[in-house]
Amino acid sequence: MKNSTRQNRTRFKLKKVTDRKRLSIFKSNNHIYAQIINDEKGVTLASASSLEKSIRTENKTKKELAERIGKEIAKRSIENGIKEVAFDKGKYKYHGIIKILAEAARAEGLNF
């Protein structure tokens, strides 16, 4: 898969500036995914997505799903002892669904 210029720039700056775990966001046309990644070990520590049975069964709009996933990823990462992360928005601009997800995660206690 070819990375976009914006995605490469975002990841390069994140890895250069900080040694925090990375909150990576991906969205397709139908679903939203969030992962907490430890780049030193190359391991996913926590994840949440709109494909999960508990989230998928709720009939919600994409914006409501993004908020739910943001709260869920924050809850799961705090359970694993991770409160500070670097926000990796990937190739997406910080608006719309990405912004809603980020603000929901911040409201639940994640720092970035």
C-alpha atoms as a PDB file:
ATOM      1  CA  MET A   1       0.000   0.000   0.000  1.00  0.00           C
ATOM      2  CA  LYS A   2       1.402   3.364  -0.997  1.00  0.00           C
ATOM      3  CA  ASN A   3       1.440   6.023   1.698  1.00  0.00           C
ATOM      4  CA  SER A   4       0.436   9.568   0.877  1.00  0.00           C
ATOM      5  CA  THR A   5       2.765  12.508   1.363  1.00  0.00           C
ATOM      6  CA  ARG A   6       0.656  13.862   4.226  1.00  0.00           C
ATOM      7  CA  GLN A   7       0.682  10.469   5.950  1.00  0.00           C
ATOM      8  CA  ASN A   8       4.472  10.145   5.669  1.00  0.00           C
ATOM      9  CA  ARG A   9       4.975  13.692   6.949  1.00  0.00           C
ATOM     10  CA  THR A  10       2.630  13.121   9.910  1.00  0.00           C
ATOM     11  CA  ARG A  11       4.271   9.852  10.983  1.00  0.00           C
ATOM     12  CA  PHE A  12       7.816  11.187  10.534  1.00  0.00           C
ATOM     13  CA  LYS A  13       7.117  14.213  12.744  1.00  0.00           C
ATOM     14  CA  LEU A  14       5.405  12.093  15.401  1.00  0.00           C
ATOM     15  CA  LYS A  15       8.234   9.596  15.645  1.00  0.00           C
ATOM     16  CA  LYS A  16      10.906  12.312  15.606  1.00  0.00           C
ATOM     17  CA  VAL A  17       9.339  14.488  18.291  1.00  0.00           C
ATOM     18  CA  THR A  18       7.925  12.047  20.809  1.00  0.00           C
ATOM     19  CA  ASP A  19       8.408   8.580  22.266  1.00  0.00           C
ATOM     20  CA  ARG A  20       4.774   8.231  23.332  1.00  0.00           C
ATOM     21  CA  LYS A  21       2.544   5.416  22.144  1.00  0.00           C
ATOM     22  CA  ARG A  22       0.731   6.290  18.904  1.00  0.00           C
ATOM     23  CA  LEU A  23      -3.061   6.579  18.526  1.00  0.00           C
ATOM     24  CA  SER A  24      -3.503   5.719  14.855  1.00  0.00           C
ATOM     25  CA  ILE A  25      -6.781   6.368  13.039  1.00  0.00           C
ATOM     26  CA  PHE A  26      -7.994   4.782   9.814  1.00  0.00           C
ATOM     27  CA  LYS A  27     -11.349   5.232   8.156  1.00  0.00           C
ATOM     28  CA  SER A  28     -12.779   3.515   5.139  1.00  0.00           C
ATOM     29  CA  ASN A  29     -16.010   4.410   3.374  1.00  0.00           C
ATOM     30  CA  ASN A  30     -17.983   2.266   5.800  1.00  0.00           C
ATOM     31  CA  HIS A  31     -15.950   1.840   8.999  1.00  0.00           C
ATOM     32  CA  ILE A  32     -13.657   3.601  11.459  1.00  0.00           C
ATOM     33  CA  TYR A  33     -10.668   1.999  13.202  1.00  0.00           C
ATOM     34  CA  ALA A  34      -8.460   3.237  16.061  1.00  0.00           C
ATOM     35  CA  GLN A  35      -5.348   1.582  17.492  1.00  0.00           C
ATOM     36  CA  ILE A  36      -2.820   2.343  20.209  1.00  0.00           C
ATOM     37  CA  ILE A  37       0.554   1.241  18.808  1.00  0.00           C
ATOM     38  CA  ASN A  38       3.934   0.792  20.492  1.00  0.00           C
ATOM     39  CA  ASP A  39       6.373   1.673  17.678  1.00  0.00           C
ATOM     40  CA  GLU A  40       9.443   0.420  19.556  1.00  0.00           C
ATOM     41  CA  LYS A  41       8.111  -3.143  19.664  1.00  0.00           C
ATOM     42  CA  GLY A  42       5.761  -2.907  16.679  1.00  0.00           C
ATOM     43  CA  VAL A  43       2.806  -4.106  18.760  1.00  0.00           C
ATOM     44  CA  THR A  44      -0.829  -3.027  18.942  1.00  0.00           C
ATOM     45  CA  LEU A  45      -1.730  -2.432  22.600  1.00  0.00           C
ATOM     46  CA  ALA A  46      -5.436  -1.564  22.265  1.00  0.00           C
ATOM     47  CA  SER A  47      -7.901  -1.219  19.437  1.00  0.00           C
ATOM     48  CA  ALA A  48     -11.503  -0.294  18.724  1.00  0.00           C
ATOM     49  CA  SER A  49     -13.471  -0.273  15.503  1.00  0.00           C
ATOM     50  CA  SER A  50     -16.973   0.000  14.121  1.00  0.00           C
ATOM     51  CA  LEU A  51     -16.775  -3.703  13.153  1.00  0.00           C
ATOM     52  CA  GLU A  52     -16.986  -4.875  16.770  1.00  0.00           C
ATOM     53  CA  LYS A  53     -20.221  -6.596  17.650  1.00  0.00           C
ATOM     54  CA  SER A  54     -20.976  -4.362  20.644  1.00  0.00           C
ATOM     55  CA  ILE A  55     -20.601  -1.205  18.545  1.00  0.00           C
ATOM     56  CA  ARG A  56     -21.946  -2.519  15.227  1.00  0.00           C
ATOM     57  CA  THR A  57     -25.349  -3.522  16.635  1.00  0.00           C
ATOM     58  CA  GLU A  58     -26.156   0.069  17.581  1.00  0.00           C
ATOM     59  CA  ASN A  59     -27.865   1.969  14.774  1.00  0.00           C
ATOM     60  CA  LYS A  60     -25.942   5.225  14.765  1.00  0.00           C
ATOM     61  CA  THR A  61     -24.685   7.773  12.288  1.00  0.00           C
ATOM     62  CA  LYS A  62     -21.000   7.877  11.380  1.00  0.00           C
ATOM     63  CA  LYS A  63     -20.468  10.846  13.685  1.00  0.00           C
ATOM     64  CA  GLU A  64     -22.035   9.026  16.622  1.00  0.00           C
ATOM     65  CA  LEU A  65     -19.944   5.944  15.797  1.00  0.00           C
ATOM     66  CA  ALA A  66     -16.766   8.051  15.765  1.00  0.00           C
ATOM     67  CA  GLU A  67     -17.612   9.450  19.201  1.00  0.00           C
ATOM     68  CA  ARG A  68     -18.333   5.962  20.571  1.00  0.00           C
ATOM     69  CA  ILE A  69     -15.060   4.580  19.169  1.00  0.00           C
ATOM     70  CA  GLY A  70     -13.120   7.539  20.622  1.00  0.00           C
ATOM     71  CA  LYS A  71     -14.556   6.859  24.075  1.00  0.00           C
ATOM     72  CA  GLU A  72     -13.940   3.113  23.738  1.00  0.00           C
ATOM     73  CA  ILE A  73     -10.278   3.441  22.656  1.00  0.00           C
ATOM     74  CA  ALA A  74      -9.636   5.884  25.514  1.00  0.00           C
ATOM     75  CA  LYS A  75     -11.200   3.512  28.040  1.00  0.00           C
ATOM     76  CA  ARG A  76      -9.213   0.523  26.771  1.00  0.00           C
ATOM     77  CA  SER A  77      -5.899   2.369  26.689  1.00  0.00           C
ATOM     78  CA  ILE A  78      -6.355   3.741  30.213  1.00  0.00           C
ATOM     79  CA  GLU A  79      -7.118   0.183  31.392  1.00  0.00           C
ATOM     80  CA  ASN A  80      -3.712  -0.794  29.942  1.00  0.00           C
ATOM     81  CA  GLY A  81      -2.032   2.084  31.800  1.00  0.00           C
ATOM     82  CA  ILE A  82      -1.560   4.386  28.796  1.00  0.00           C
ATOM     83  CA  LYS A  83      -2.771   7.932  29.401  1.00  0.00           C
ATOM     84  CA  GLU A  84      -0.477   9.899  27.084  1.00  0.00           C
ATOM     85  CA  VAL A  85      -0.433   9.198  23.351  1.00  0.00           C
ATOM     86  CA  ALA A  86       0.630  10.901  20.145  1.00  0.00           C
ATOM     87  CA  PHE A  87      -2.334  11.414  17.796  1.00  0.00           C
ATOM     88  CA  ASP A  88      -1.631  10.011  14.324  1.00  0.00           C
ATOM     89  CA  LYS A  89      -4.366  11.217  12.017  1.00  0.00           C
ATOM     90  CA  GLY A  90      -2.594   9.590   9.073  1.00  0.00           C
ATOM     91  CA  LYS A  91      -3.583  10.941   5.683  1.00  0.00           C
ATOM     92  CA  TYR A  92      -6.725  12.672   6.947  1.00  0.00           C
ATOM     93  CA  LYS A  93      -7.279  16.325   7.759  1.00  0.00           C
ATOM     94  CA  TYR A  94      -8.233  17.142  11.348  1.00  0.00           C
ATOM     95  CA  HIS A  95     -11.944  17.777  10.837  1.00  0.00           C
ATOM     96  CA  GLY A  96     -15.235  15.916  10.699  1.00  0.00           C
ATOM     97  CA  ILE A  97     -15.164  12.327  11.945  1.00  0.00           C
ATOM     98  CA  ILE A  98     -11.445  12.430  12.841  1.00  0.00           C
ATOM     99  CA  LYS A  99     -11.978  15.534  14.995  1.00  0.00           C
ATOM    100  CA  ILE A 100     -15.036  14.024  16.711  1.00  0.00           C
ATOM    101  CA  LEU A 101     -13.113  10.832  17.529  1.00  0.00           C
ATOM    102  CA  ALA A 102     -10.153  12.811  18.919  1.00  0.00           C
ATOM    103  CA  GLU A 103     -12.312  15.065  21.080  1.00  0.00           C
ATOM    104  CA  ALA A 104     -14.229  12.074  22.480  1.00  0.00           C
ATOM    105  CA  ALA A 105     -10.945  10.359  23.387  1.00  0.00           C
ATOM    106  CA  ARG A 106      -9.706  13.546  25.093  1.00  0.00           C
ATOM    107  CA  ALA A 107     -12.964  13.857  27.035  1.00  0.00           C
ATOM    108  CA  GLU A 108     -12.490  10.310  28.380  1.00  0.00           C
ATOM    109  CA  GLY A 109      -9.027  11.132  29.727  1.00  0.00           C
ATOM    110  CA  LEU A 110      -6.415  10.563  26.990  1.00  0.00           C
ATOM    111  CA  ASN A 111      -3.758  13.283  26.732  1.00  0.00           C
ATOM    112  CA  PHE A 112      -2.472  14.371  23.316  1.00  0.00           C
END
